[in-house]
């Protein structure tokens, strides 16, 4: 879409330099529609970014806590009892 917008801007400049305002207006409408679409995507990404740090920090804390538990926790091994019980 960025390449398309670049092409539209080039066409708009060409038509403006030739004084063809009708054609220029058509390309400006298409460019405007594309820019509104890109702005909408940017806004939705910005809203997602505001949510992600809290989730990300929670996940990082959880993973860090699990890692600390894994490092400090050792599974006890059962040693065979070689002592004989006398009754």
C-alpha atoms as a PDB file:
ATOM      1  CA  UNK A   1       0.000   0.000   0.000  1.00  0.00           C
ATOM      2  CA  UNK A   2       2.911   2.341   0.614  1.00  0.00           C
ATOM      3  CA  UNK A   3       4.064   1.847  -2.963  1.00  0.00           C
ATOM      4  CA  UNK A   4       0.529   2.534  -4.171  1.00  0.00           C
ATOM      5  CA  UNK A   5       0.415   5.723  -2.102  1.00  0.00           C
ATOM      6  CA  UNK A   6       3.764   6.787  -3.523  1.00  0.00           C
ATOM      7  CA  UNK A   7       2.419   6.243  -7.034  1.00  0.00           C
ATOM      8  CA  UNK A   8      -0.761   8.181  -6.197  1.00  0.00           C
ATOM      9  CA  UNK A   9       1.273  11.123  -4.910  1.00  0.00           C
ATOM     10  CA  UNK A  10       3.357  11.117  -8.089  1.00  0.00           C
ATOM     11  CA  UNK A  11       0.186  11.123 -10.208  1.00  0.00           C
ATOM     12  CA  UNK A  12      -1.323  13.928  -8.125  1.00  0.00           C
ATOM     13  CA  UNK A  13       1.816  16.023  -8.591  1.00  0.00           C
ATOM     14  CA  UNK A  14       1.817  15.338 -12.341  1.00  0.00           C
ATOM     15  CA  UNK A  15      -1.834  16.290 -12.739  1.00  0.00           C
ATOM     16  CA  UNK A  16      -1.376  19.399 -10.583  1.00  0.00           C
ATOM     17  CA  UNK A  17       1.528  20.539 -12.729  1.00  0.00           C
ATOM     18  CA  UNK A  18      -0.637  20.046 -15.857  1.00  0.00           C
ATOM     19  CA  UNK A  19      -3.616  21.853 -14.303  1.00  0.00           C
ATOM     20  CA  UNK A  20      -5.880  18.774 -14.475  1.00  0.00           C
ATOM     21  CA  UNK A  21      -7.809  19.301 -11.240  1.00  0.00           C
ATOM     22  CA  UNK A  22     -10.544  16.689 -11.882  1.00  0.00           C
ATOM     23  CA  UNK A  23      -8.032  13.862 -12.278  1.00  0.00           C
ATOM     24  CA  UNK A  24      -6.042  15.215  -9.339  1.00  0.00           C
ATOM     25  CA  UNK A  25      -9.143  15.135  -7.109  1.00  0.00           C
ATOM     26  CA  UNK A  26      -9.829  11.482  -8.014  1.00  0.00           C
ATOM     27  CA  UNK A  27      -6.340  10.429  -6.991  1.00  0.00           C
ATOM     28  CA  UNK A  28      -6.536  12.553  -3.841  1.00  0.00           C
ATOM     29  CA  UNK A  29      -9.716  10.701  -2.803  1.00  0.00           C
ATOM     30  CA  UNK A  30      -8.017   7.323  -3.270  1.00  0.00           C
ATOM     31  CA  UNK A  31      -4.953   8.516  -1.360  1.00  0.00           C
ATOM     32  CA  UNK A  32      -7.181   9.841   1.430  1.00  0.00           C
ATOM     33  CA  UNK A  33      -8.984   6.484   1.706  1.00  0.00           C
ATOM     34  CA  UNK A  34      -5.643   4.641   1.913  1.00  0.00           C
ATOM     35  CA  UNK A  35      -4.293   7.033   4.547  1.00  0.00           C
ATOM     36  CA  UNK A  36      -7.434   6.677   6.682  1.00  0.00           C
ATOM     37  CA  UNK A  37      -7.093   2.891   6.439  1.00  0.00           C
ATOM     38  CA  UNK A  38      -3.435   3.021   7.511  1.00  0.00           C
ATOM     39  CA  UNK A  39      -4.271   5.396  10.373  1.00  0.00           C
ATOM     40  CA  UNK A  40      -6.975   2.985  11.565  1.00  0.00           C
ATOM     41  CA  UNK A  41      -4.468   0.132  11.596  1.00  0.00           C
ATOM     42  CA  UNK A  42      -1.933   2.289  13.460  1.00  0.00           C
ATOM     43  CA  UNK A  43      -4.562   3.243  16.057  1.00  0.00           C
ATOM     44  CA  UNK A  44      -5.579  -0.368  16.624  1.00  0.00           C
ATOM     45  CA  UNK A  45      -1.920  -1.372  16.990  1.00  0.00           C
ATOM     46  CA  UNK A  46      -1.398   1.455  19.471  1.00  0.00           C
ATOM     47  CA  UNK A  47      -4.374   0.219  21.506  1.00  0.00           C
ATOM     48  CA  UNK A  48      -2.958  -3.309  21.485  1.00  0.00           C
ATOM     49  CA  UNK A  49       0.440  -2.028  22.615  1.00  0.00           C
ATOM     50  CA  UNK A  50      -1.176  -0.374  25.621  1.00  0.00           C
ATOM     51  CA  UNK A  51      -2.567  -3.766  26.659  1.00  0.00           C
ATOM     52  CA  UNK A  52       0.509  -5.877  25.957  1.00  0.00           C
ATOM     53  CA  UNK A  53       2.972  -4.563  28.548  1.00  0.00           C
ATOM     54  CA  UNK A  54       0.745  -5.590  31.480  1.00  0.00           C
ATOM     55  CA  UNK A  55       0.231  -9.047  30.041  1.00  0.00           C
ATOM     56  CA  UNK A  56       3.859  -9.316  29.081  1.00  0.00           C
ATOM     57  CA  UNK A  57       5.091  -8.329  32.532  1.00  0.00           C
ATOM     58  CA  UNK A  58       2.748 -10.822  34.159  1.00  0.00           C
ATOM     59  CA  UNK A  59       3.955 -13.593  31.913  1.00  0.00           C
ATOM     60  CA  UNK A  60       7.590 -12.632  32.451  1.00  0.00           C
ATOM     61  CA  UNK A  61       7.046 -12.595  36.239  1.00  0.00           C
ATOM     62  CA  UNK A  62       5.359 -15.984  36.102  1.00  0.00           C
ATOM     63  CA  UNK A  63       8.090 -17.491  33.961  1.00  0.00           C
ATOM     64  CA  UNK A  64      10.771 -15.993  36.178  1.00  0.00           C
ATOM     65  CA  UNK A  65       9.073 -17.355  39.289  1.00  0.00           C
ATOM     66  CA  UNK A  66       8.788 -20.799  37.719  1.00  0.00           C
ATOM     67  CA  UNK A  67      12.430 -20.693  36.727  1.00  0.00           C
ATOM     68  CA  UNK A  68      13.479 -19.805  40.301  1.00  0.00           C
ATOM     69  CA  UNK A  69      11.343 -22.640  41.678  1.00  0.00           C
ATOM     70  CA  UNK A  70      12.834 -25.089  39.179  1.00  0.00           C
ATOM     71  CA  UNK A  71      16.352 -24.083  40.155  1.00  0.00           C
ATOM     72  CA  UNK A  72      15.771 -24.307  43.902  1.00  0.00           C
ATOM     73  CA  UNK A  73      13.620 -27.395  43.918  1.00  0.00           C
ATOM     74  CA  UNK A  74      15.271 -30.765  43.713  1.00  0.00           C
ATOM     75  CA  UNK A  75      13.350 -33.971  43.537  1.00  0.00           C
ATOM     76  CA  UNK A  76      14.282 -36.203  46.461  1.00  0.00           C
ATOM     77  CA  UNK A  77      15.602 -39.552  45.454  1.00  0.00           C
ATOM     78  CA  UNK A  78      14.765 -42.638  47.391  1.00  0.00           C
ATOM     79  CA  UNK A  79      17.774 -44.437  48.725  1.00  0.00           C
ATOM     80  CA  UNK A  80      17.446 -48.148  49.301  1.00  0.00           C
ATOM     81  CA  UNK A  81      17.380 -49.065  52.954  1.00  0.00           C
ATOM     82  CA  UNK A  82      20.188 -51.556  53.522  1.00  0.00           C
ATOM     83  CA  UNK A  83      19.541 -51.856  57.211  1.00  0.00           C
ATOM     84  CA  UNK A  84      17.650 -54.960  58.158  1.00  0.00           C
ATOM     85  CA  UNK A  85      14.905 -54.669  60.640  1.00  0.00           C
ATOM     86  CA  UNK A  86      14.981 -57.117  63.498  1.00  0.00           C
ATOM     87  CA  UNK A  87      11.795 -58.055  65.238  1.00  0.00           C
END
